[in-house]
Amino acid sequence: MEKRFVSIWFRHLATDWFALRQPHLKGLPFVLRTPVHGRMMITAANQVAEARGISTGMVLADARAIFPKLEVLDDKPDLAEKLLTRLAEWCIRFTPVVSTDLPDGLLFDASGCSHLWGGEESYIKDIIRKLSGRGYDVRAAMADTQGVAWAVARFGKQHIVDPGKNIEALLSLPPEALRLEPETIWRLHKLGLHKISQFIRMPRPALRRRFGQHFLSQIDKALGQQLEMLSPVIAPEPFHERLPCMEPIVTAKGIEIALDELLTKLCLRLQQEQKGLRSAVLKCYRVDGKIEEVRIETNQPSFHVAHLYKLFGLKLSGIEPALGIELFILEAPKVEDYTPKQEKMWDDAGGLEDIRLAELIDRIASRVGMQAINRYVPDEHYWPERSFKRVVSLNEKPSTPWRTDRARPLQILAAPEKIEVTAPIPDYPPMLFIHKGKLHKIVKADGPERIEQEWWIQNGQHRDYYQVEDEEGKRYWLFRLGHYHDKTYQWFLHGFFA
């Protein structure tokens, strides 16, 4: 695929932003100021002020002498960087790779994007139209390299540079179009070299001796002979699909059709690469600049379109299209290798190998939340609270079997809770115990079961566990910490039986 880049130049970035926040400034000449070495300097001027001869870099006093009624506002530190970052995030609708280009521009890697708009001309016009509609004075150009796109956007008269026409596009432009240092530009003009055509074909050794290696590097970048990287504000996910809309989508049916098309494309790609998604995000870019998001997660890697569509379908009603959605992006930020499963509902492992069980859990989790569903496997420990662990994947195998020779409660407390007991008898459970202010009379009991400390982990006293039942038929798991005759023992509640 041939590389194509777009450069966008915001001719009056800061003043346009102030005019949007203070509409009364539109049509008035105004500037932004900041103190520099004890003098007030103009850091930005709007188009009306420029038409009266006021420019950036001028001393404010001189500007007032030209136009006494000039409106003056204080500039904001880092305003350009913050503005460009926000605009770059908004421009994700045009391409997944958008980078800021300080102090007043953006750069796109638009390779393979323009056909979605019906061609490069329509693509560029739509970019200009929508940014202008947001209140910014912009120019844009598309070319094979970032350097040529940047040059033509600022100094050229065209929007599209045909593939392979880099040199031709640069010849009539001034040296400033090569993004050179101010001193180098001044020296070129002093030598009478006012157009790129006057020096671009000169011998390289002579140019290097006169202007340095950086001068040649800028030429090479513009001509595509030296690689120039973009740093996108949002790194695109490796697995994603985009669907721009010629007309804004405002209906639920339209959103469903867009989701189905995106899922079909994404899942086909995943299947071809033997991958399955574990999480996916549907991003809906609205006409007003806001983004609606819907996120799903799965327990196992999946590229099953119908199943994933059902998971999204439970949440689509939460999408508010407002004036319309103009771009849909489906991303899979978490992807894992997919291995085919034998499709049977139950097997010796309790059905965990069946993909249908994973899909059932996915549907339940989409309603109650993934955090509400946990799977536990036995762990190789004697101490009860360490004898099991939580696992994320349904595919993880237990390292040891569940203990079945001794009864264990359905619910074990994360930390044992201290209780008060009455009428204790050596090596017998208590007759009464008080838990959280409530008195329980024990009518049945079984035990003790002694569990020693794991000395290789920590030191401490042993526990003697008892299964008890109170007068209401509720069953508890109690233990005494330490020997009865030590007089330092304590009683705890550790779990609840069904």
Protein backbone atom coordinates (compact mmCIF):
# COMPACT_ATOMS: atom_id res chain seq x y z
CA MET A 1 0.00 0.00 0.00
CA GLU A 2 1.36 3.42 -0.95
CA LYS A 3 1.84 5.77 1.96
CA ARG A 4 -0.25 8.93 1.96
CA PHE A 5 -0.02 11.68 4.56
CA VAL A 6 -2.22 14.65 5.39
CA SER A 7 -1.00 17.85 7.03
CA ILE A 8 -3.51 20.24 8.59
CA TRP A 9 -2.52 23.80 9.35
CA PHE A 10 -4.59 25.83 11.82
CA ARG A 11 -3.75 29.31 10.60
CA HIS A 12 -5.11 31.07 13.73
CA LEU A 13 -5.35 28.25 16.24
CA ALA A 14 -5.23 30.16 19.54
CA THR A 15 -7.28 33.18 18.44
CA ASP A 16 -9.93 30.92 16.89
CA TRP A 17 -10.26 29.14 20.25
CA PHE A 18 -10.68 32.44 22.11
CA ALA A 19 -13.28 33.57 19.56
CA LEU A 20 -15.24 30.35 20.07
CA ARG A 21 -15.33 30.92 23.83
CA GLN A 22 -16.09 34.66 23.48
CA PRO A 23 -18.28 35.10 20.36
CA HIS A 24 -18.22 38.92 20.61
CA LEU A 25 -14.57 38.82 19.47
CA LYS A 26 -15.53 37.59 15.99
CA GLY A 27 -15.04 40.41 13.53
CA LEU A 28 -12.91 42.42 15.97
CA PRO A 29 -9.12 42.77 15.66
CA PHE A 30 -7.59 41.15 18.74
CA VAL A 31 -4.28 39.66 19.80
CA LEU A 32 -2.82 37.50 22.57
CA ARG A 33 0.07 38.79 24.62
CA THR A 34 2.72 37.48 26.97
CA PRO A 35 5.67 39.19 28.75
CA VAL A 36 9.10 38.51 27.22
CA HIS A 37 12.21 40.05 28.81
CA GLY A 38 10.21 42.86 30.36
CA ARG A 39 8.20 43.73 27.22
CA MET A 40 4.71 42.69 26.20
CA MET A 41 4.94 40.70 22.98
CA ILE A 42 2.16 39.52 20.66
CA THR A 43 2.06 35.72 20.53
CA ALA A 44 -0.98 35.41 18.22
CA ALA A 45 -3.14 37.70 16.10
CA ASN A 46 -6.46 36.95 14.49
CA GLN A 47 -7.16 37.40 10.79
CA VAL A 48 -8.78 40.83 11.23
CA ALA A 49 -5.74 42.13 13.16
CA GLU A 50 -3.36 40.74 10.54
CA ALA A 51 -5.30 42.58 7.84
CA ARG A 52 -4.44 45.83 9.69
CA GLY A 53 -0.71 45.08 9.66
CA ILE A 54 -0.40 43.49 13.10
CA SER A 55 1.53 40.22 13.27
CA THR A 56 2.84 37.64 15.71
CA GLY A 57 6.14 38.63 17.33
CA MET A 58 5.37 42.35 17.27
CA VAL A 59 5.77 44.47 20.40
CA LEU A 60 2.32 45.23 21.82
CA ALA A 61 3.06 48.97 22.08
CA ASP A 62 3.86 49.10 18.36
CA ALA A 63 0.64 47.27 17.55
CA ARG A 64 -1.39 49.75 19.61
CA ALA A 65 0.26 52.58 17.72
CA ILE A 66 -1.02 51.01 14.48
CA PHE A 67 -4.51 50.37 15.85
CA PRO A 68 -5.31 51.98 19.23
CA LYS A 69 -8.61 50.11 19.70
CA LEU A 70 -6.95 46.71 19.46
CA GLU A 71 -8.45 44.08 21.79
CA VAL A 72 -5.78 42.41 23.91
CA LEU A 73 -6.06 39.15 25.85
CA ASP A 74 -3.56 37.24 27.95
CA ASP A 75 -2.19 34.13 26.28
CA LYS A 76 -2.48 30.80 28.11
CA PRO A 77 0.61 28.64 28.68
CA ASP A 78 0.60 25.33 26.78
CA LEU A 79 -2.68 26.29 25.08
CA ALA A 80 -1.55 25.15 21.63
CA GLU A 81 -0.40 21.73 22.82
CA LYS A 82 -3.63 21.07 24.73
CA LEU A 83 -5.78 22.27 21.83
CA LEU A 84 -3.95 20.17 19.27
CA THR A 85 -4.17 17.07 21.45
CA ARG A 86 -7.94 17.46 21.78
CA LEU A 87 -8.32 18.13 18.07
CA ALA A 88 -6.15 15.10 17.26
CA GLU A 89 -8.39 12.87 19.38
CA TRP A 90 -11.43 14.26 17.56
CA CYS A 91 -9.79 13.58 14.19
CA ILE A 92 -9.54 9.85 14.89
CA ARG A 93 -12.74 9.71 12.79
CA PHE A 94 -10.62 10.32 9.67
CA THR A 95 -7.74 7.90 10.35
CA PRO A 96 -6.51 5.75 13.23
CA VAL A 97 -3.08 7.47 13.21
CA VAL A 98 -3.17 11.17 14.14
CA SER A 99 -0.21 13.09 15.53
CA THR A 100 0.14 16.64 16.82
CA ASP A 101 2.48 18.91 14.88
CA LEU A 102 3.39 21.82 17.13
CA PRO A 103 2.88 24.69 17.17
CA ASP A 104 -0.16 24.84 14.90
CA GLY A 105 -0.84 21.62 13.00
CA LEU A 106 -1.78 17.98 12.84
CA LEU A 107 -0.38 15.12 10.77
CA PHE A 108 -2.34 12.07 9.59
CA ASP A 109 -1.16 8.78 8.20
CA ALA A 110 -4.08 8.51 5.78
CA SER A 111 -2.89 5.41 3.92
CA GLY A 112 -5.89 3.36 2.81
CA CYS A 113 -8.45 5.76 4.29
CA SER A 114 -9.56 8.06 1.46
CA HIS A 115 -11.47 5.37 -0.49
CA LEU A 116 -13.99 5.29 2.36
CA TRP A 117 -14.91 8.87 1.39
CA GLY A 118 -14.99 8.18 -2.33
CA GLY A 119 -11.49 9.47 -3.12
CA GLU A 120 -8.78 11.81 -1.92
CA GLU A 121 -10.49 14.99 -3.04
CA SER A 122 -13.67 14.17 -1.11
CA TYR A 123 -11.58 13.07 1.87
CA ILE A 124 -9.66 16.34 2.12
CA LYS A 125 -12.76 18.46 1.53
CA ASP A 126 -14.61 16.64 4.30
CA ILE A 127 -11.72 17.23 6.73
CA ILE A 128 -11.62 20.94 5.91
CA ARG A 129 -15.41 21.29 6.03
CA LYS A 130 -15.79 19.67 9.44
CA LEU A 131 -12.90 21.48 11.08
CA SER A 132 -14.11 24.77 9.61
CA GLY A 133 -17.55 23.95 10.95
CA ARG A 134 -16.03 23.72 14.41
CA GLY A 135 -14.82 27.31 14.03
CA TYR A 136 -11.20 26.90 12.92
CA ASP A 137 -9.47 28.51 9.93
CA VAL A 138 -7.65 25.56 8.35
CA ARG A 139 -5.69 24.53 5.31
CA ALA A 140 -4.90 20.89 4.47
CA ALA A 141 -2.90 18.94 1.90
CA MET A 142 -2.23 15.30 1.06
CA ALA A 143 1.03 13.90 -0.35
CA ASP A 144 3.34 10.89 -0.31
CA THR A 145 5.45 12.28 2.54
CA GLN A 146 4.85 14.29 5.67
CA GLY A 147 7.29 16.96 4.48
CA VAL A 148 5.55 17.64 1.17
CA ALA A 149 2.09 17.59 2.79
CA TRP A 150 3.33 20.09 5.41
CA ALA A 151 4.89 22.34 2.76
CA VAL A 152 1.89 22.40 0.42
CA ALA A 153 -0.61 22.97 3.25
CA ARG A 154 1.25 26.14 4.29
CA PHE A 155 2.77 27.47 1.08
CA GLY A 156 1.03 25.72 -1.82
CA LYS A 157 -2.21 26.38 -3.67
CA GLN A 158 -3.42 22.81 -4.06
CA HIS A 159 -4.86 20.20 -1.71
CA ILE A 160 -3.69 17.00 -3.42
CA VAL A 161 -0.17 16.13 -4.57
CA ASP A 162 -0.36 13.17 -6.93
CA PRO A 163 1.72 10.10 -6.01
CA GLY A 164 5.31 10.38 -7.20
CA LYS A 165 5.11 14.16 -7.74
CA ASN A 166 7.02 15.28 -4.64
CA ILE A 167 9.78 17.28 -6.33
CA GLU A 168 7.37 18.98 -8.74
CA ALA A 169 5.21 20.10 -5.79
CA LEU A 170 8.20 21.63 -3.98
CA LEU A 171 9.94 23.51 -6.81
CA SER A 172 7.85 26.68 -6.72
CA LEU A 173 7.75 26.93 -2.90
CA PRO A 174 10.04 29.08 -0.71
CA PRO A 175 12.79 27.54 1.49
CA GLU A 176 10.54 27.87 4.55
CA ALA A 177 8.50 24.97 3.16
CA LEU A 178 11.34 22.55 4.06
CA ARG A 179 10.94 23.22 7.81
CA LEU A 180 14.44 24.68 8.07
CA GLU A 181 15.99 26.63 10.93
CA PRO A 182 15.47 30.43 10.82
CA GLU A 183 19.18 31.12 10.41
CA THR A 184 19.40 28.75 7.43
CA ILE A 185 16.37 30.39 5.81
CA TRP A 186 17.89 33.85 6.31
CA ARG A 187 21.17 32.72 4.68
CA LEU A 188 19.33 31.22 1.69
CA HIS A 189 17.43 34.42 1.04
CA LYS A 190 20.60 36.46 1.49
CA LEU A 191 22.20 34.36 -1.26
CA GLY A 192 19.22 35.01 -3.52
CA LEU A 193 17.82 31.49 -3.23
CA HIS A 194 14.15 32.33 -2.83
CA LYS A 195 12.70 29.15 -4.35
CA ILE A 196 13.44 25.51 -3.68
CA SER A 197 13.94 25.00 -7.42
CA GLN A 198 17.04 27.22 -7.22
CA PHE A 199 19.03 24.88 -4.98
CA ILE A 200 17.42 21.43 -4.72
CA ARG A 201 19.49 20.05 -7.62
CA MET A 202 22.78 21.54 -6.48
CA PRO A 203 25.61 19.07 -5.61
CA ARG A 204 24.99 17.62 -2.12
CA PRO A 205 28.61 18.06 -0.92
CA ALA A 206 28.38 21.78 -1.63
CA LEU A 207 25.06 22.11 0.19
CA ARG A 208 26.42 20.16 3.16
CA ARG A 209 29.48 22.41 3.44
CA ARG A 210 27.39 25.56 3.22
CA PHE A 211 24.28 24.65 5.28
CA GLY A 212 25.08 21.47 7.25
CA GLN A 213 23.71 17.94 7.39
CA HIS A 214 20.34 18.98 8.87
CA PHE A 215 19.61 20.92 5.69
CA LEU A 216 20.08 17.77 3.57
CA SER A 217 18.06 15.68 6.03
CA GLN A 218 15.05 17.98 5.67
CA ILE A 219 15.24 17.66 1.88
CA ASP A 220 15.53 13.85 2.15
CA LYS A 221 12.51 13.69 4.48
CA ALA A 222 10.43 15.75 2.10
CA LEU A 223 11.40 13.54 -0.86
CA GLY A 224 10.79 10.32 1.06
CA GLN A 225 14.46 9.31 1.05
CA GLN A 226 14.66 9.42 4.86
CA LEU A 227 12.09 7.80 7.14
CA GLU A 228 10.02 10.11 9.33
CA MET A 229 7.91 8.58 12.09
CA LEU A 230 4.59 9.74 13.51
CA SER A 231 3.75 9.59 17.22
CA PRO A 232 -0.02 9.10 17.37
CA VAL A 233 -1.93 10.65 20.26
CA ILE A 234 -3.80 7.35 20.61
CA ALA A 235 -1.99 4.24 19.49
CA PRO A 236 -4.38 2.22 17.29
CA GLU A 237 -5.21 -1.31 18.40
CA PRO A 238 -3.72 -4.01 16.16
CA PHE A 239 -7.17 -5.56 15.78
CA HIS A 240 -9.77 -2.98 14.87
CA GLU A 241 -12.28 -2.13 12.14
CA ARG A 242 -13.67 1.25 11.06
CA LEU A 243 -16.97 2.17 9.40
CA PRO A 244 -17.45 5.83 8.41
CA CYS A 245 -20.99 6.89 7.48
CA MET A 246 -21.87 9.10 4.54
CA GLU A 247 -24.94 10.26 6.48
CA PRO A 248 -25.13 10.41 10.31
CA ILE A 249 -26.80 7.36 11.90
CA VAL A 250 -29.59 8.24 14.34
CA THR A 251 -31.62 5.01 14.60
CA ALA A 252 -31.11 1.88 16.70
CA LYS A 253 -31.45 -0.26 13.56
CA GLY A 254 -28.64 1.65 11.89
CA ILE A 255 -26.38 1.08 14.90
CA GLU A 256 -27.19 -2.65 14.83
CA ILE A 257 -26.36 -2.91 11.12
CA ALA A 258 -23.04 -1.10 11.67
CA LEU A 259 -22.15 -3.39 14.59
CA ASP A 260 -22.97 -6.51 12.58
CA GLU A 261 -20.78 -5.40 9.68
CA LEU A 262 -17.85 -4.52 11.95
CA LEU A 263 -18.08 -7.79 13.90
CA THR A 264 -18.21 -9.82 10.71
CA LYS A 265 -15.04 -8.19 9.37
CA LEU A 266 -13.16 -8.34 12.67
CA CYS A 267 -14.08 -11.95 13.44
CA LEU A 268 -13.11 -13.09 9.94
CA ARG A 269 -9.68 -11.57 10.44
CA LEU A 270 -9.36 -13.13 13.90
CA GLN A 271 -10.37 -16.53 12.55
CA GLN A 272 -7.83 -16.33 9.74
CA GLU A 273 -5.07 -15.55 12.25
CA GLN A 274 -6.26 -18.19 14.77
CA LYS A 275 -7.02 -15.53 17.37
CA GLY A 276 -10.00 -14.82 19.56
CA LEU A 277 -10.94 -11.64 21.38
CA ARG A 278 -11.26 -11.45 25.17
CA SER A 279 -12.50 -7.87 25.21
CA ALA A 280 -13.96 -5.51 22.64
CA VAL A 281 -15.01 -1.86 22.51
CA LEU A 282 -17.50 -0.27 20.13
CA LYS A 283 -16.83 3.47 19.79
CA CYS A 284 -19.46 5.68 18.19
CA TYR A 285 -18.23 9.12 17.10
CA ARG A 286 -21.09 11.60 17.13
CA VAL A 287 -21.49 14.67 14.95
CA ASP A 288 -21.24 16.92 18.03
CA GLY A 289 -17.76 15.54 18.82
CA LYS A 290 -18.74 13.28 21.71
CA ILE A 291 -17.94 9.56 21.78
CA GLU A 292 -20.33 6.85 22.94
CA GLU A 293 -18.67 3.59 24.05
CA VAL A 294 -19.89 0.04 24.72
CA ARG A 295 -17.50 -2.58 26.11
CA ILE A 296 -17.79 -6.36 26.44
CA GLU A 297 -15.56 -9.12 27.85
CA THR A 298 -15.43 -12.87 27.30
CA ASN A 299 -14.17 -15.74 29.44
CA GLN A 300 -12.52 -17.48 26.51
CA PRO A 301 -11.08 -16.25 23.19
CA SER A 302 -13.93 -16.00 20.70
CA PHE A 303 -14.60 -15.03 17.08
CA HIS A 304 -18.21 -16.23 17.15
CA VAL A 305 -20.11 -13.33 15.51
CA ALA A 306 -23.58 -14.30 16.77
CA HIS A 307 -22.40 -14.70 20.36
CA LEU A 308 -20.47 -11.43 20.41
CA TYR A 309 -23.39 -9.62 18.79
CA LYS A 310 -25.68 -10.82 21.62
CA LEU A 311 -23.24 -9.49 24.23
CA PHE A 312 -23.17 -6.09 22.57
CA GLY A 313 -26.92 -6.20 21.94
CA LEU A 314 -27.61 -6.16 25.69
CA LYS A 315 -25.90 -2.76 25.92
CA LEU A 316 -26.74 -1.02 22.64
CA SER A 317 -29.78 0.67 24.17
CA GLY A 318 -27.38 2.78 26.24
CA ILE A 319 -25.96 4.47 23.11
CA GLU A 320 -27.37 7.96 22.60
CA PRO A 321 -26.86 9.02 18.94
CA ALA A 322 -28.05 12.62 19.52
CA LEU A 323 -27.66 14.43 16.15
CA GLY A 324 -26.14 11.34 14.60
CA ILE A 325 -23.13 9.04 14.56
CA GLU A 326 -20.68 9.55 11.69
CA LEU A 327 -18.05 6.93 12.52
CA PHE A 328 -18.07 3.49 14.17
CA ILE A 329 -14.84 1.86 15.39
CA LEU A 330 -14.70 -1.66 16.79
CA GLU A 331 -11.49 -2.47 18.70
CA ALA A 332 -10.26 -5.67 20.33
CA PRO A 333 -7.69 -4.48 22.91
CA LYS A 334 -7.26 -7.98 24.39
CA VAL A 335 -6.73 -10.88 21.99
CA GLU A 336 -5.48 -14.41 22.69
CA ASP A 337 -4.62 -17.47 20.64
CA TYR A 338 -7.67 -19.55 19.80
CA THR A 339 -7.60 -23.35 20.03
CA PRO A 340 -10.65 -25.32 18.83
CA LYS A 341 -12.67 -27.03 21.58
CA GLN A 342 -14.58 -30.29 21.51
CA GLU A 343 -18.23 -29.27 21.64
CA LYS A 344 -19.97 -31.34 24.29
CA MET A 345 -21.89 -29.96 27.21
CA TRP A 346 -20.39 -31.96 30.07
CA ASP A 347 -17.23 -34.02 30.49
CA ASP A 348 -15.03 -35.25 33.34
CA ALA A 349 -13.86 -31.70 34.04
CA GLY A 350 -17.42 -30.48 34.61
CA GLY A 351 -18.04 -29.04 31.16
CA LEU A 352 -15.34 -26.38 31.37
CA GLU A 353 -13.96 -27.35 27.97
CA ASP A 354 -17.27 -26.60 26.20
CA ILE A 355 -17.35 -23.22 24.47
CA ARG A 356 -21.10 -23.01 25.09
CA LEU A 357 -20.54 -22.87 28.84
CA ALA A 358 -18.11 -19.96 28.37
CA GLU A 359 -20.67 -18.16 26.19
CA LEU A 360 -23.37 -18.69 28.84
CA ILE A 361 -21.10 -17.14 31.47
CA ASP A 362 -20.37 -14.25 29.09
CA ARG A 363 -24.09 -13.50 28.73
CA ILE A 364 -24.64 -13.62 32.49
CA ALA A 365 -21.60 -11.41 33.09
CA SER A 366 -22.86 -8.83 30.58
CA ARG A 367 -25.87 -8.33 32.86
CA VAL A 368 -24.39 -8.57 36.35
CA GLY A 369 -20.79 -7.63 35.59
CA MET A 370 -17.72 -9.79 35.12
CA GLN A 371 -16.57 -8.99 38.65
CA ALA A 372 -19.64 -10.77 40.07
CA ILE A 373 -18.62 -14.13 38.57
CA ASN A 374 -15.66 -15.94 40.07
CA ARG A 375 -14.12 -19.35 39.52
CA TYR A 376 -12.02 -21.02 42.20
CA VAL A 377 -9.71 -24.02 42.08
CA PRO A 378 -8.03 -25.87 44.97
CA ASP A 379 -4.56 -24.78 46.00
CA GLU A 380 -1.84 -26.80 47.71
CA HIS A 381 -2.24 -25.48 51.26
CA TYR A 382 -3.58 -26.86 54.56
CA TRP A 383 -4.65 -23.54 56.00
CA PRO A 384 -8.35 -23.10 54.96
CA GLU A 385 -8.16 -19.53 53.65
CA ARG A 386 -5.18 -20.50 51.51
CA SER A 387 -6.58 -23.82 50.26
CA PHE A 388 -8.22 -22.30 47.17
CA LYS A 389 -7.47 -19.53 44.71
CA ARG A 390 -9.34 -17.46 42.18
CA VAL A 391 -8.55 -18.00 38.49
CA VAL A 392 -9.35 -15.84 35.49
CA SER A 393 -9.57 -18.38 32.69
CA LEU A 394 -11.94 -21.32 32.38
CA ASN A 395 -9.07 -23.25 30.82
CA GLU A 396 -6.79 -23.17 33.86
CA LYS A 397 -6.34 -26.64 35.35
CA PRO A 398 -6.20 -27.19 39.14
CA SER A 399 -2.84 -28.30 40.49
CA THR A 400 -4.45 -30.53 43.13
CA PRO A 401 -7.93 -32.12 43.59
CA TRP A 402 -10.59 -30.71 45.90
CA ARG A 403 -10.52 -32.25 49.36
CA THR A 404 -13.62 -34.42 49.82
CA ASP A 405 -12.78 -36.48 52.92
CA ARG A 406 -13.77 -33.60 55.21
CA ALA A 407 -16.79 -31.32 55.00
CA ARG A 408 -16.07 -27.72 54.09
CA PRO A 409 -18.43 -24.74 54.31
CA LEU A 410 -20.00 -23.23 51.21
CA GLN A 411 -18.71 -19.78 52.25
CA ILE A 412 -15.40 -19.15 53.98
CA LEU A 413 -14.74 -15.72 55.42
CA ALA A 414 -11.70 -13.91 54.09
CA ALA A 415 -10.60 -13.36 57.70
CA PRO A 416 -11.96 -15.33 60.72
CA GLU A 417 -14.23 -13.27 62.96
CA LYS A 418 -13.81 -13.43 66.71
CA ILE A 419 -16.77 -14.71 68.74
CA GLU A 420 -17.65 -14.95 72.44
CA VAL A 421 -18.45 -18.40 73.84
CA THR A 422 -20.01 -19.67 77.07
CA ALA A 423 -19.73 -22.95 78.96
CA PRO A 424 -16.65 -24.25 77.14
CA ILE A 425 -15.58 -27.83 77.82
CA PRO A 426 -12.08 -29.16 77.06
CA ASP A 427 -11.93 -30.63 73.55
CA TYR A 428 -15.64 -29.97 73.01
CA PRO A 429 -17.45 -27.20 71.15
CA PRO A 430 -19.10 -24.45 73.19
CA MET A 431 -22.79 -24.66 74.12
CA LEU A 432 -23.42 -21.02 73.19
CA PHE A 433 -21.67 -18.39 71.11
CA ILE A 434 -22.28 -14.72 70.35
CA HIS A 435 -21.58 -13.34 66.88
CA LYS A 436 -22.21 -9.66 66.06
CA GLY A 437 -24.36 -9.28 69.13
CA LYS A 438 -26.60 -12.27 68.40
CA LEU A 439 -26.72 -15.31 70.73
CA HIS A 440 -26.67 -18.76 69.10
CA LYS A 441 -27.52 -21.91 71.06
CA ILE A 442 -25.73 -24.96 69.69
CA VAL A 443 -27.92 -28.06 69.37
CA LYS A 444 -25.64 -30.24 67.22
CA ALA A 445 -21.87 -30.37 66.71
CA ASP A 446 -19.18 -32.46 65.08
CA GLY A 447 -15.41 -32.31 65.56
CA PRO A 448 -12.76 -31.44 66.33
CA GLU A 449 -10.62 -31.40 63.19
CA ARG A 450 -7.13 -30.13 63.98
CA ILE A 451 -5.31 -28.09 61.33
CA GLU A 452 -1.72 -27.19 62.08
CA GLN A 453 0.04 -24.03 61.03
CA GLU A 454 2.11 -24.21 57.84
CA TRP A 455 5.44 -23.66 59.59
CA TRP A 456 7.27 -23.03 56.31
CA ILE A 457 5.07 -19.98 55.77
CA GLN A 458 4.46 -18.64 59.28
CA ASN A 459 4.59 -19.62 62.94
CA GLY A 460 1.58 -19.79 65.22
CA GLN A 461 -0.92 -21.92 67.09
CA HIS A 462 -2.98 -24.73 65.64
CA ARG A 463 -6.75 -24.60 65.09
CA ASP A 464 -9.42 -27.07 66.23
CA TYR A 465 -12.44 -26.80 63.91
CA TYR A 466 -16.05 -27.77 64.74
CA GLN A 467 -19.18 -28.00 62.61
CA VAL A 468 -22.08 -26.70 64.69
CA GLU A 469 -25.82 -26.13 64.19
CA ASP A 470 -27.91 -23.64 66.16
CA GLU A 471 -31.56 -23.81 67.18
CA GLU A 472 -32.62 -22.16 63.89
CA GLY A 473 -30.99 -24.92 61.83
CA LYS A 474 -28.15 -22.70 60.60
CA ARG A 475 -24.75 -24.36 60.41
CA TYR A 476 -21.42 -22.73 61.14
CA TRP A 477 -17.71 -23.56 61.05
CA LEU A 478 -16.03 -22.56 64.33
CA PHE A 479 -12.52 -23.07 65.57
CA ARG A 480 -10.55 -22.67 68.77
CA LEU A 481 -7.11 -21.17 68.31
CA GLY A 482 -4.62 -22.85 70.65
CA HIS A 483 -4.93 -25.45 73.44
CA TYR A 484 -7.77 -25.25 75.93
CA HIS A 485 -5.46 -25.59 78.94
CA ASP A 486 -3.25 -22.68 77.79
CA LYS A 487 -5.89 -20.22 78.96
CA THR A 488 -4.87 -17.98 76.00
CA TYR A 489 -7.10 -19.65 73.44
CA GLN A 490 -9.69 -17.73 71.44
CA TRP A 491 -12.77 -18.76 69.43
CA PHE A 492 -13.51 -17.69 65.88
CA LEU A 493 -16.22 -18.08 63.22
CA HIS A 494 -14.68 -18.99 59.85
CA GLY A 495 -17.49 -20.10 57.55
CA PHE A 496 -21.13 -20.94 56.84
CA PHE A 497 -22.52 -24.28 55.65
CA ALA A 498 -25.50 -24.52 53.33
